[in-house]
């Protein structure tokens, strides 16, 4: 059961104030933060928001390593973005893009760290409830959306681990060495997720 549960995300049940905050309110906050940082294009403002997010995590009884864990999964993407913008534009543009990405990922990461799969399913079910009037199974849509959200950080981490393993073997230029472990890991993730759903009676 422990092995299966980790495939649903990185929820850390500390009982902090963020954990007790309604998921819909947290989803609204994540959306609002993302919209604001994307609209303002101000790295200094982004840094302030990031500091507030970290403080929120720490005051919710999460350790610093846990609070920052979502960022470890995207470092390779951050590096690629920086390299791209340094080539086609300048350092200021690279900083602006990276700061936005980090803030958005950190905000979404706090949502994942402080919300259980059950709470997420409940929130998504509320959001898609109007779809029932169109004859769509709202619960199934909510389950699909929640699992999709949970799979993103796992896949990002898988890509990073594959790149590290290829680099350790001196195969960092090999597409096969980087991609095959990702494909196999994704298949295994799908199989384990399916077994976890079957164990909960949700596989039909």
N, C-alpha and C. Protein backbone atom coordinates (compact mmCIF):
# COMPACT_ATOMS: atom_id res chain seq x y z
N UNK A 1 0.82 -1.20 0.00
CA UNK A 1 0.00 0.00 0.00
C UNK A 1 0.86 1.25 0.00
N UNK A 2 1.93 1.25 0.75
CA UNK A 2 2.80 2.42 0.79
C UNK A 2 3.39 2.69 -0.58
N UNK A 3 3.80 1.59 -1.26
CA UNK A 3 4.40 1.76 -2.58
C UNK A 3 3.37 2.33 -3.56
N UNK A 4 2.12 1.83 -3.47
CA UNK A 4 1.11 2.33 -4.38
C UNK A 4 0.80 3.79 -4.11
N UNK A 5 0.75 4.19 -2.82
CA UNK A 5 0.34 5.54 -2.48
C UNK A 5 1.32 6.58 -3.01
N UNK A 6 2.59 6.23 -3.13
CA UNK A 6 3.54 7.24 -3.58
C UNK A 6 3.32 7.61 -5.04
N UNK A 7 2.62 6.75 -5.80
CA UNK A 7 2.36 7.07 -7.19
C UNK A 7 1.24 8.09 -7.34
N UNK A 8 0.55 8.41 -6.24
CA UNK A 8 -0.49 9.42 -6.29
C UNK A 8 0.05 10.79 -5.91
N UNK A 9 1.33 10.94 -5.56
CA UNK A 9 1.87 12.26 -5.31
C UNK A 9 2.74 12.33 -4.08
N UNK A 10 2.98 13.56 -3.66
CA UNK A 10 3.94 13.80 -2.59
C UNK A 10 3.29 14.42 -1.36
N UNK A 11 2.04 14.08 -1.11
CA UNK A 11 1.32 14.63 0.03
C UNK A 11 2.05 14.32 1.34
N UNK A 12 2.28 15.37 2.14
CA UNK A 12 2.95 15.21 3.44
C UNK A 12 1.99 15.67 4.54
N UNK A 13 1.33 14.74 5.22
CA UNK A 13 0.31 15.09 6.21
C UNK A 13 0.88 15.56 7.55
N UNK A 14 1.15 16.84 7.67
CA UNK A 14 1.69 17.37 8.92
C UNK A 14 0.62 18.01 9.80
N UNK A 15 -0.57 18.22 9.24
CA UNK A 15 -1.62 18.86 10.02
C UNK A 15 -1.47 20.36 10.14
N UNK A 16 -0.63 20.97 9.29
CA UNK A 16 -0.42 22.41 9.33
C UNK A 16 -1.62 23.19 8.82
N UNK A 17 -1.52 24.52 8.91
CA UNK A 17 -2.67 25.35 8.53
C UNK A 17 -2.98 25.26 7.04
N UNK A 18 -1.97 25.06 6.21
CA UNK A 18 -2.24 24.89 4.78
C UNK A 18 -2.98 23.59 4.50
N UNK A 19 -2.69 22.56 5.28
CA UNK A 19 -3.38 21.28 5.12
C UNK A 19 -4.86 21.43 5.46
N UNK A 20 -5.16 22.31 6.41
CA UNK A 20 -6.55 22.49 6.84
C UNK A 20 -7.31 23.49 5.96
N UNK A 21 -6.59 24.18 5.09
CA UNK A 21 -7.23 25.13 4.18
C UNK A 21 -7.97 24.37 3.08
N UNK A 22 -9.21 24.75 2.76
CA UNK A 22 -9.96 24.06 1.70
C UNK A 22 -9.19 24.03 0.38
N UNK A 23 -9.26 22.89 -0.29
CA UNK A 23 -8.51 22.72 -1.53
C UNK A 23 -8.95 23.71 -2.60
N UNK A 24 -10.24 23.99 -2.68
CA UNK A 24 -10.72 24.94 -3.68
C UNK A 24 -10.11 26.32 -3.46
N UNK A 25 -9.94 26.70 -2.20
CA UNK A 25 -9.32 27.98 -1.89
C UNK A 25 -7.85 27.98 -2.32
N UNK A 26 -7.17 26.85 -2.09
CA UNK A 26 -5.77 26.74 -2.50
C UNK A 26 -5.64 26.73 -4.02
N UNK A 27 -6.57 26.06 -4.69
CA UNK A 27 -6.54 26.07 -6.16
C UNK A 27 -6.73 27.49 -6.69
N UNK A 28 -7.65 28.22 -6.08
CA UNK A 28 -7.86 29.61 -6.48
C UNK A 28 -6.63 30.46 -6.26
N UNK A 29 -5.94 30.21 -5.13
CA UNK A 29 -4.72 30.97 -4.84
C UNK A 29 -3.62 30.65 -5.85
N UNK A 30 -3.48 29.37 -6.20
CA UNK A 30 -2.47 28.98 -7.20
C UNK A 30 -2.76 29.66 -8.54
N UNK A 31 -4.04 29.64 -8.94
CA UNK A 31 -4.42 30.28 -10.20
C UNK A 31 -4.15 31.78 -10.17
N UNK A 32 -4.50 32.42 -9.05
CA UNK A 32 -4.31 33.87 -8.93
C UNK A 32 -2.83 34.23 -8.96
N UNK A 33 -2.02 33.46 -8.22
CA UNK A 33 -0.57 33.72 -8.19
C UNK A 33 0.02 33.57 -9.59
N UNK A 34 -0.38 32.52 -10.29
CA UNK A 34 0.15 32.28 -11.63
C UNK A 34 -0.21 33.41 -12.58
N UNK A 35 -1.46 33.85 -12.52
CA UNK A 35 -1.91 34.94 -13.41
C UNK A 35 -1.15 36.23 -13.12
N UNK A 36 -0.98 36.54 -11.84
CA UNK A 36 -0.32 37.79 -11.47
C UNK A 36 1.15 37.80 -11.89
N UNK A 37 1.88 36.71 -11.58
CA UNK A 37 3.31 36.71 -11.91
C UNK A 37 3.53 36.69 -13.43
N UNK A 38 2.63 36.05 -14.16
CA UNK A 38 2.77 36.03 -15.62
C UNK A 38 2.44 37.40 -16.22
N UNK A 39 1.55 38.13 -15.56
CA UNK A 39 1.14 39.43 -16.09
C UNK A 39 2.14 40.53 -15.76
N UNK A 40 2.73 40.48 -14.56
CA UNK A 40 3.58 41.59 -14.12
C UNK A 40 4.98 41.59 -14.74
N UNK A 41 5.54 40.43 -14.97
CA UNK A 41 6.89 40.31 -15.56
C UNK A 41 7.93 41.08 -14.74
N UNK A 42 7.95 40.79 -13.46
CA UNK A 42 8.86 41.48 -12.54
C UNK A 42 9.58 40.45 -11.68
N UNK A 43 10.84 40.13 -11.98
CA UNK A 43 11.58 39.11 -11.21
C UNK A 43 11.68 39.42 -9.72
N UNK A 44 11.75 40.71 -9.36
CA UNK A 44 11.82 41.06 -7.94
C UNK A 44 10.52 40.70 -7.24
N UNK A 45 9.40 41.00 -7.89
CA UNK A 45 8.10 40.61 -7.34
C UNK A 45 8.00 39.10 -7.25
N UNK A 46 8.48 38.40 -8.29
CA UNK A 46 8.46 36.94 -8.28
C UNK A 46 9.26 36.39 -7.09
N UNK A 47 10.41 37.00 -6.81
CA UNK A 47 11.24 36.56 -5.69
C UNK A 47 10.51 36.75 -4.36
N UNK A 48 9.79 37.85 -4.24
CA UNK A 48 9.02 38.11 -3.01
C UNK A 48 7.91 37.08 -2.84
N UNK A 49 7.21 36.78 -3.94
CA UNK A 49 6.14 35.77 -3.88
C UNK A 49 6.72 34.41 -3.52
N UNK A 50 7.86 34.08 -4.11
CA UNK A 50 8.51 32.81 -3.81
C UNK A 50 8.86 32.72 -2.32
N UNK A 51 9.38 33.80 -1.76
CA UNK A 51 9.73 33.82 -0.33
C UNK A 51 8.49 33.62 0.53
N UNK A 52 7.38 34.23 0.13
CA UNK A 52 6.13 34.06 0.87
C UNK A 52 5.65 32.61 0.79
N UNK A 53 5.77 32.00 -0.39
CA UNK A 53 5.35 30.61 -0.55
C UNK A 53 6.19 29.68 0.33
N UNK A 54 7.50 29.90 0.36
CA UNK A 54 8.37 29.09 1.21
C UNK A 54 8.00 29.27 2.68
N UNK A 55 7.72 30.51 3.08
CA UNK A 55 7.33 30.78 4.46
C UNK A 55 6.01 30.08 4.80
N UNK A 56 5.09 30.07 3.85
CA UNK A 56 3.82 29.37 4.06
C UNK A 56 4.04 27.88 4.30
N UNK A 57 4.94 27.30 3.51
CA UNK A 57 5.23 25.88 3.69
C UNK A 57 5.89 25.59 5.02
N UNK A 58 6.83 26.42 5.42
CA UNK A 58 7.54 26.21 6.69
C UNK A 58 6.61 26.38 7.88
N UNK A 59 5.71 27.36 7.81
CA UNK A 59 4.77 27.57 8.92
C UNK A 59 3.66 26.52 8.93
N UNK A 60 3.61 25.69 7.89
CA UNK A 60 2.66 24.57 7.86
C UNK A 60 3.33 23.27 8.28
N UNK A 61 4.48 23.41 8.97
CA UNK A 61 5.21 22.28 9.56
C UNK A 61 5.90 21.40 8.54
N UNK A 62 6.13 21.93 7.35
CA UNK A 62 6.92 21.20 6.35
C UNK A 62 8.38 21.58 6.51
N UNK A 63 9.27 20.61 6.28
CA UNK A 63 10.69 20.91 6.31
C UNK A 63 11.09 21.65 5.04
N UNK A 64 12.20 22.38 5.10
CA UNK A 64 12.63 23.16 3.95
C UNK A 64 12.86 22.27 2.73
N UNK A 65 13.45 21.10 2.95
CA UNK A 65 13.68 20.18 1.84
C UNK A 65 12.38 19.73 1.19
N UNK A 66 11.34 19.53 2.01
CA UNK A 66 10.04 19.15 1.48
C UNK A 66 9.40 20.30 0.71
N UNK A 67 9.52 21.50 1.26
CA UNK A 67 8.94 22.68 0.60
C UNK A 67 9.55 22.89 -0.78
N UNK A 68 10.85 22.70 -0.89
CA UNK A 68 11.56 22.95 -2.15
C UNK A 68 11.61 21.74 -3.07
N UNK A 69 11.07 20.61 -2.64
CA UNK A 69 11.16 19.38 -3.43
C UNK A 69 10.57 19.50 -4.83
N UNK A 70 9.48 20.26 -5.06
CA UNK A 70 8.97 20.36 -6.44
C UNK A 70 9.98 20.96 -7.41
N UNK A 71 10.87 21.81 -6.91
CA UNK A 71 11.83 22.48 -7.79
C UNK A 71 12.94 21.53 -8.25
N UNK A 72 13.23 20.50 -7.44
CA UNK A 72 14.28 19.56 -7.83
C UNK A 72 13.91 18.80 -9.10
N UNK A 73 12.61 18.67 -9.35
CA UNK A 73 12.16 17.91 -10.51
C UNK A 73 12.24 18.71 -11.80
N UNK A 74 12.45 20.03 -11.72
CA UNK A 74 12.41 20.84 -12.94
C UNK A 74 13.74 21.51 -13.26
N UNK A 75 14.80 21.16 -12.52
CA UNK A 75 16.06 21.89 -12.72
C UNK A 75 16.56 21.78 -14.16
N UNK A 76 16.34 20.63 -14.79
CA UNK A 76 16.83 20.47 -16.16
C UNK A 76 16.08 21.39 -17.11
N UNK A 77 14.76 21.58 -16.86
CA UNK A 77 13.98 22.50 -17.69
C UNK A 77 14.42 23.94 -17.46
N UNK A 78 14.73 24.26 -16.21
CA UNK A 78 15.22 25.61 -15.89
C UNK A 78 16.52 25.88 -16.64
N UNK A 79 17.41 24.89 -16.62
CA UNK A 79 18.70 25.05 -17.31
C UNK A 79 18.50 25.24 -18.81
N UNK A 80 17.57 24.49 -19.40
CA UNK A 80 17.30 24.62 -20.83
C UNK A 80 16.72 25.98 -21.17
N UNK A 81 15.82 26.47 -20.32
CA UNK A 81 15.22 27.79 -20.56
C UNK A 81 16.27 28.88 -20.49
N UNK A 82 17.14 28.79 -19.47
CA UNK A 82 18.21 29.78 -19.33
C UNK A 82 19.12 29.76 -20.55
N UNK A 83 19.52 28.56 -20.97
CA UNK A 83 20.41 28.45 -22.13
C UNK A 83 19.76 29.01 -23.39
N UNK A 84 18.49 28.69 -23.59
CA UNK A 84 17.77 29.16 -24.78
C UNK A 84 17.71 30.68 -24.83
N UNK A 85 17.32 31.30 -23.70
CA UNK A 85 17.16 32.75 -23.70
C UNK A 85 18.51 33.48 -23.73
N UNK A 86 19.54 32.85 -23.19
CA UNK A 86 20.86 33.47 -23.29
C UNK A 86 21.34 33.50 -24.74
N UNK A 87 20.87 32.51 -25.52
CA UNK A 87 21.26 32.45 -26.93
C UNK A 87 20.43 33.41 -27.79
N UNK A 88 19.11 33.40 -27.59
CA UNK A 88 18.23 34.17 -28.47
C UNK A 88 17.90 35.56 -27.94
N UNK A 89 18.10 35.80 -26.63
CA UNK A 89 17.78 37.13 -26.10
C UNK A 89 18.88 37.61 -25.17
N UNK A 90 18.59 37.67 -23.86
CA UNK A 90 19.61 38.13 -22.91
C UNK A 90 19.33 37.56 -21.53
N UNK A 91 20.22 37.88 -20.58
CA UNK A 91 20.11 37.34 -19.22
C UNK A 91 18.86 37.84 -18.51
N UNK A 92 18.45 39.08 -18.78
CA UNK A 92 17.26 39.64 -18.13
C UNK A 92 16.01 38.85 -18.52
N UNK A 93 15.91 38.51 -19.80
CA UNK A 93 14.76 37.73 -20.27
C UNK A 93 14.79 36.33 -19.67
N UNK A 94 15.98 35.75 -19.59
CA UNK A 94 16.12 34.42 -19.00
C UNK A 94 15.68 34.43 -17.54
N UNK A 95 16.11 35.45 -16.79
CA UNK A 95 15.74 35.57 -15.38
C UNK A 95 14.24 35.74 -15.23
N UNK A 96 13.63 36.55 -16.10
CA UNK A 96 12.19 36.79 -16.03
C UNK A 96 11.40 35.50 -16.26
N UNK A 97 11.81 34.72 -17.26
CA UNK A 97 11.10 33.48 -17.57
C UNK A 97 11.29 32.44 -16.47
N UNK A 98 12.52 32.29 -15.99
CA UNK A 98 12.81 31.29 -14.96
C UNK A 98 12.12 31.63 -13.65
N UNK A 99 12.09 32.91 -13.28
CA UNK A 99 11.45 33.30 -12.02
C UNK A 99 9.97 32.98 -12.04
N UNK A 100 9.32 33.18 -13.20
CA UNK A 100 7.90 32.86 -13.31
C UNK A 100 7.67 31.36 -13.18
N UNK A 101 8.51 30.59 -13.87
CA UNK A 101 8.37 29.13 -13.81
C UNK A 101 8.54 28.63 -12.39
N UNK A 102 9.54 29.12 -11.69
CA UNK A 102 9.82 28.67 -10.33
C UNK A 102 8.66 29.00 -9.40
N UNK A 103 8.12 30.21 -9.50
CA UNK A 103 7.00 30.61 -8.63
C UNK A 103 5.77 29.75 -8.91
N UNK A 104 5.45 29.54 -10.18
CA UNK A 104 4.26 28.75 -10.53
C UNK A 104 4.41 27.30 -10.06
N UNK A 105 5.59 26.73 -10.27
CA UNK A 105 5.83 25.34 -9.83
C UNK A 105 5.79 25.24 -8.31
N UNK A 106 6.38 26.23 -7.63
CA UNK A 106 6.38 26.21 -6.17
C UNK A 106 4.97 26.32 -5.61
N UNK A 107 4.15 27.17 -6.22
CA UNK A 107 2.76 27.32 -5.77
C UNK A 107 1.99 26.02 -5.97
N UNK A 108 2.14 25.41 -7.15
CA UNK A 108 1.47 24.14 -7.42
C UNK A 108 2.02 23.04 -6.52
N UNK A 109 3.33 23.10 -6.25
CA UNK A 109 3.94 22.10 -5.37
C UNK A 109 3.39 22.15 -3.96
N UNK A 110 3.16 23.34 -3.45
CA UNK A 110 2.57 23.47 -2.11
C UNK A 110 1.17 22.87 -2.08
N UNK A 111 0.44 23.05 -3.17
CA UNK A 111 -0.89 22.43 -3.26
C UNK A 111 -0.78 20.92 -3.16
N UNK A 112 0.18 20.34 -3.89
CA UNK A 112 0.36 18.89 -3.87
C UNK A 112 0.83 18.40 -2.50
N UNK A 113 1.71 19.16 -1.87
CA UNK A 113 2.27 18.76 -0.58
C UNK A 113 1.25 18.81 0.54
N UNK A 114 0.23 19.65 0.38
CA UNK A 114 -0.72 19.86 1.48
C UNK A 114 -2.13 19.38 1.17
N UNK A 115 -2.30 18.64 0.05
CA UNK A 115 -3.62 18.15 -0.33
C UNK A 115 -3.54 16.66 -0.64
N UNK A 116 -4.41 15.88 -0.04
CA UNK A 116 -4.43 14.44 -0.31
C UNK A 116 -5.13 14.18 -1.63
N UNK A 117 -4.98 12.97 -2.16
CA UNK A 117 -5.63 12.61 -3.42
C UNK A 117 -7.14 12.69 -3.27
N UNK A 118 -7.65 12.32 -2.10
CA UNK A 118 -9.09 12.40 -1.86
C UNK A 118 -9.59 13.83 -1.90
N UNK A 119 -8.85 14.74 -1.30
CA UNK A 119 -9.24 16.15 -1.30
C UNK A 119 -9.20 16.73 -2.71
N UNK A 120 -8.19 16.34 -3.48
CA UNK A 120 -8.09 16.82 -4.86
C UNK A 120 -9.25 16.30 -5.71
N UNK A 121 -9.58 15.03 -5.54
CA UNK A 121 -10.70 14.45 -6.28
C UNK A 121 -11.99 15.18 -5.94
N UNK A 122 -12.17 15.47 -4.66
CA UNK A 122 -13.37 16.19 -4.22
C UNK A 122 -13.45 17.56 -4.87
N UNK A 123 -12.32 18.27 -4.87
CA UNK A 123 -12.29 19.62 -5.45
C UNK A 123 -12.56 19.58 -6.95
N UNK A 124 -11.91 18.66 -7.66
CA UNK A 124 -12.13 18.56 -9.09
C UNK A 124 -13.57 18.16 -9.40
N UNK A 125 -14.15 17.30 -8.55
CA UNK A 125 -15.54 16.89 -8.75
C UNK A 125 -16.47 18.09 -8.65
N UNK A 126 -16.19 18.98 -7.72
CA UNK A 126 -17.01 20.20 -7.58
C UNK A 126 -16.86 21.08 -8.81
N UNK A 127 -15.63 21.22 -9.30
CA UNK A 127 -15.37 22.10 -10.44
C UNK A 127 -16.02 21.60 -11.72
N UNK A 128 -16.08 20.27 -11.89
CA UNK A 128 -16.62 19.72 -13.14
C UNK A 128 -18.08 19.30 -13.00
N UNK A 129 -18.69 19.57 -11.86
CA UNK A 129 -20.08 19.17 -11.63
C UNK A 129 -21.04 19.69 -12.69
N UNK A 130 -20.86 20.92 -13.19
CA UNK A 130 -21.78 21.39 -14.25
C UNK A 130 -21.77 20.53 -15.51
N UNK A 131 -20.72 19.72 -15.71
CA UNK A 131 -20.65 18.87 -16.90
C UNK A 131 -21.71 17.78 -16.89
N UNK A 132 -22.29 17.52 -15.71
CA UNK A 132 -23.33 16.50 -15.62
C UNK A 132 -24.53 16.85 -16.50
N UNK A 133 -24.78 18.14 -16.67
CA UNK A 133 -25.91 18.56 -17.49
C UNK A 133 -25.70 18.22 -18.96
N UNK A 134 -24.44 17.90 -19.32
CA UNK A 134 -24.13 17.50 -20.69
C UNK A 134 -24.02 15.99 -20.82
N UNK A 135 -24.36 15.27 -19.74
CA UNK A 135 -24.31 13.81 -19.76
C UNK A 135 -22.92 13.24 -19.57
N UNK A 136 -22.00 14.04 -19.05
CA UNK A 136 -20.62 13.60 -18.83
C UNK A 136 -20.45 13.14 -17.38
N UNK A 137 -19.72 12.03 -17.19
CA UNK A 137 -19.45 11.51 -15.85
C UNK A 137 -18.45 12.42 -15.14
N UNK A 138 -18.95 13.27 -14.25
CA UNK A 138 -18.09 14.26 -13.59
C UNK A 138 -17.03 13.60 -12.72
N UNK A 139 -17.39 12.50 -12.03
CA UNK A 139 -16.44 11.83 -11.15
C UNK A 139 -15.26 11.26 -11.93
N UNK A 140 -15.55 10.70 -13.10
CA UNK A 140 -14.47 10.13 -13.92
C UNK A 140 -13.56 11.23 -14.46
N UNK A 141 -14.16 12.34 -14.84
CA UNK A 141 -13.36 13.48 -15.31
C UNK A 141 -12.48 14.00 -14.18
N UNK A 142 -13.03 14.07 -12.96
CA UNK A 142 -12.27 14.54 -11.81
C UNK A 142 -11.10 13.61 -11.50
N UNK A 143 -11.35 12.30 -11.58
CA UNK A 143 -10.28 11.33 -11.34
C UNK A 143 -9.16 11.48 -12.37
N UNK A 144 -9.54 11.61 -13.63
CA UNK A 144 -8.55 11.77 -14.70
C UNK A 144 -7.72 13.03 -14.49
N UNK A 145 -8.38 14.13 -14.15
CA UNK A 145 -7.67 15.39 -13.94
C UNK A 145 -6.72 15.31 -12.76
N UNK A 146 -7.18 14.71 -11.67
CA UNK A 146 -6.34 14.61 -10.47
C UNK A 146 -5.11 13.75 -10.73
N UNK A 147 -5.29 12.63 -11.42
CA UNK A 147 -4.15 11.76 -11.71
C UNK A 147 -3.18 12.42 -12.69
N UNK A 148 -3.71 13.21 -13.60
CA UNK A 148 -2.84 13.94 -14.53
C UNK A 148 -1.97 14.93 -13.79
N UNK A 149 -2.58 15.68 -12.87
CA UNK A 149 -1.83 16.65 -12.07
C UNK A 149 -0.76 15.95 -11.25
N UNK A 150 -1.10 14.80 -10.68
CA UNK A 150 -0.14 14.07 -9.85
C UNK A 150 1.00 13.49 -10.68
N UNK A 151 0.74 13.17 -11.95
CA UNK A 151 1.78 12.51 -12.76
C UNK A 151 2.84 13.48 -13.27
N UNK A 152 2.52 14.77 -13.34
CA UNK A 152 3.46 15.74 -13.91
C UNK A 152 4.78 15.80 -13.14
N UNK A 153 4.76 16.00 -11.79
CA UNK A 153 6.04 16.03 -11.08
C UNK A 153 6.79 14.71 -11.14
N UNK A 154 6.05 13.58 -11.18
CA UNK A 154 6.71 12.28 -11.27
C UNK A 154 7.46 12.15 -12.59
N UNK A 155 6.82 12.55 -13.69
CA UNK A 155 7.46 12.43 -15.00
C UNK A 155 8.66 13.38 -15.10
N UNK A 156 8.52 14.58 -14.54
CA UNK A 156 9.64 15.52 -14.57
C UNK A 156 10.83 14.96 -13.80
N UNK A 157 10.55 14.34 -12.66
CA UNK A 157 11.62 13.74 -11.86
C UNK A 157 12.25 12.57 -12.61
N UNK A 158 11.43 11.81 -13.32
CA UNK A 158 11.92 10.67 -14.08
C UNK A 158 12.88 11.13 -15.19
N UNK A 159 12.54 12.21 -15.85
CA UNK A 159 13.41 12.76 -16.89
C UNK A 159 14.75 13.19 -16.30
N UNK A 160 14.70 13.85 -15.14
CA UNK A 160 15.93 14.28 -14.49
C UNK A 160 16.80 13.12 -14.06
N UNK A 161 16.19 12.08 -13.49
CA UNK A 161 16.95 10.92 -13.05
C UNK A 161 17.57 10.19 -14.23
N UNK A 162 16.84 10.11 -15.34
CA UNK A 162 17.37 9.46 -16.54
C UNK A 162 18.58 10.23 -17.08
N UNK A 163 18.49 11.55 -17.07
CA UNK A 163 19.61 12.37 -17.54
C UNK A 163 20.83 12.20 -16.64
N UNK A 164 20.60 12.15 -15.32
CA UNK A 164 21.70 11.96 -14.38
C UNK A 164 22.38 10.61 -14.59
N UNK A 165 21.56 9.56 -14.79
CA UNK A 165 22.11 8.22 -14.99
C UNK A 165 22.92 8.15 -16.28
N UNK A 166 22.41 8.79 -17.35
CA UNK A 166 23.14 8.79 -18.62
C UNK A 166 24.46 9.54 -18.48
N UNK A 167 24.42 10.64 -17.76
CA UNK A 167 25.64 11.44 -17.56
C UNK A 167 26.68 10.66 -16.75
N UNK A 168 26.23 9.90 -15.76
CA UNK A 168 27.14 9.13 -14.92
C UNK A 168 27.85 8.04 -15.72
N UNK A 169 27.21 7.58 -16.79
CA UNK A 169 27.82 6.54 -17.63
C UNK A 169 28.53 7.14 -18.85
N UNK A 170 28.62 8.47 -18.89
CA UNK A 170 29.27 9.12 -20.02
C UNK A 170 28.45 9.09 -21.29
N UNK A 171 27.12 8.95 -21.16
CA UNK A 171 26.24 8.85 -22.33
C UNK A 171 25.27 10.02 -22.41
N UNK A 172 25.72 11.18 -21.91
CA UNK A 172 24.80 12.32 -21.87
C UNK A 172 24.34 12.78 -23.26
N UNK A 173 25.08 12.42 -24.32
CA UNK A 173 24.70 12.80 -25.68
C UNK A 173 23.83 11.75 -26.35
N UNK A 174 23.61 10.62 -25.66
CA UNK A 174 22.83 9.53 -26.25
C UNK A 174 21.34 9.74 -25.98
N UNK A 175 20.57 9.91 -27.05
CA UNK A 175 19.12 10.07 -26.90
C UNK A 175 18.50 8.79 -26.35
N UNK A 176 19.02 7.64 -26.80
CA UNK A 176 18.49 6.36 -26.34
C UNK A 176 18.69 6.19 -24.84
N UNK A 177 19.88 6.53 -24.35
CA UNK A 177 20.17 6.38 -22.92
C UNK A 177 19.29 7.28 -22.07
N UNK A 178 18.86 8.40 -22.62
CA UNK A 178 18.01 9.33 -21.88
C UNK A 178 16.54 8.97 -21.98
N UNK A 179 16.11 8.48 -23.14
CA UNK A 179 14.68 8.29 -23.39
C UNK A 179 14.14 6.94 -22.97
N UNK A 180 14.92 5.86 -23.15
CA UNK A 180 14.42 4.52 -22.83
C UNK A 180 14.01 4.39 -21.36
N UNK A 181 14.84 4.82 -20.40
CA UNK A 181 14.42 4.73 -18.99
C UNK A 181 13.15 5.53 -18.70
N UNK A 182 12.97 6.65 -19.40
CA UNK A 182 11.77 7.47 -19.21
C UNK A 182 10.53 6.71 -19.69
N UNK A 183 10.64 6.10 -20.87
CA UNK A 183 9.52 5.33 -21.41
C UNK A 183 9.17 4.16 -20.50
N UNK A 184 10.19 3.41 -20.08
CA UNK A 184 9.95 2.26 -19.20
C UNK A 184 9.36 2.71 -17.86
N UNK A 185 9.88 3.81 -17.33
CA UNK A 185 9.36 4.33 -16.07
C UNK A 185 7.93 4.79 -16.19
N UNK A 186 7.59 5.40 -17.34
CA UNK A 186 6.22 5.86 -17.56
C UNK A 186 5.25 4.68 -17.65
N UNK A 187 5.68 3.62 -18.34
CA UNK A 187 4.85 2.41 -18.44
C UNK A 187 4.64 1.80 -17.06
N UNK A 188 5.70 1.71 -16.28
CA UNK A 188 5.59 1.15 -14.93
C UNK A 188 4.69 2.02 -14.06
N UNK A 189 4.81 3.34 -14.21
CA UNK A 189 3.96 4.27 -13.47
C UNK A 189 2.49 4.00 -13.79
N UNK A 190 2.19 3.83 -15.09
CA UNK A 190 0.81 3.56 -15.50
C UNK A 190 0.30 2.24 -14.94
N UNK A 191 1.15 1.21 -14.97
CA UNK A 191 0.74 -0.09 -14.45
C UNK A 191 0.49 -0.04 -12.95
N UNK A 192 1.39 0.59 -12.21
CA UNK A 192 1.23 0.69 -10.76
C UNK A 192 0.03 1.55 -10.39
N UNK A 193 -0.20 2.61 -11.16
CA UNK A 193 -1.37 3.44 -10.91
C UNK A 193 -2.65 2.65 -11.16
N UNK A 194 -2.66 1.86 -12.24
CA UNK A 194 -3.82 1.02 -12.53
C UNK A 194 -4.09 0.02 -11.43
N UNK A 195 -3.03 -0.61 -10.91
CA UNK A 195 -3.21 -1.57 -9.81
C UNK A 195 -3.73 -0.87 -8.56
N UNK A 196 -3.21 0.35 -8.31
CA UNK A 196 -3.68 1.10 -7.14
C UNK A 196 -5.16 1.46 -7.28
N UNK A 197 -5.58 1.81 -8.50
CA UNK A 197 -6.98 2.13 -8.73
C UNK A 197 -7.85 0.89 -8.57
N UNK A 198 -7.38 -0.25 -9.09
CA UNK A 198 -8.13 -1.50 -8.94
C UNK A 198 -8.29 -1.87 -7.47
N UNK A 199 -7.23 -1.65 -6.69
CA UNK A 199 -7.29 -1.98 -5.26
C UNK A 199 -8.32 -1.13 -4.53
N UNK A 200 -8.60 0.06 -5.08
CA UNK A 200 -9.58 0.95 -4.47
C UNK A 200 -10.95 0.84 -5.13
N UNK A 201 -11.09 -0.12 -6.05
CA UNK A 201 -12.37 -0.30 -6.72
C UNK A 201 -12.69 0.77 -7.74
N UNK A 202 -11.64 1.41 -8.31
CA UNK A 202 -11.86 2.51 -9.25
C UNK A 202 -11.39 2.17 -10.65
N UNK A 203 -11.12 0.91 -10.89
CA UNK A 203 -10.53 0.54 -12.17
C UNK A 203 -11.51 0.33 -13.30
N UNK A 204 -12.79 0.26 -13.00
CA UNK A 204 -13.78 -0.02 -14.04
C UNK A 204 -14.17 1.25 -14.80
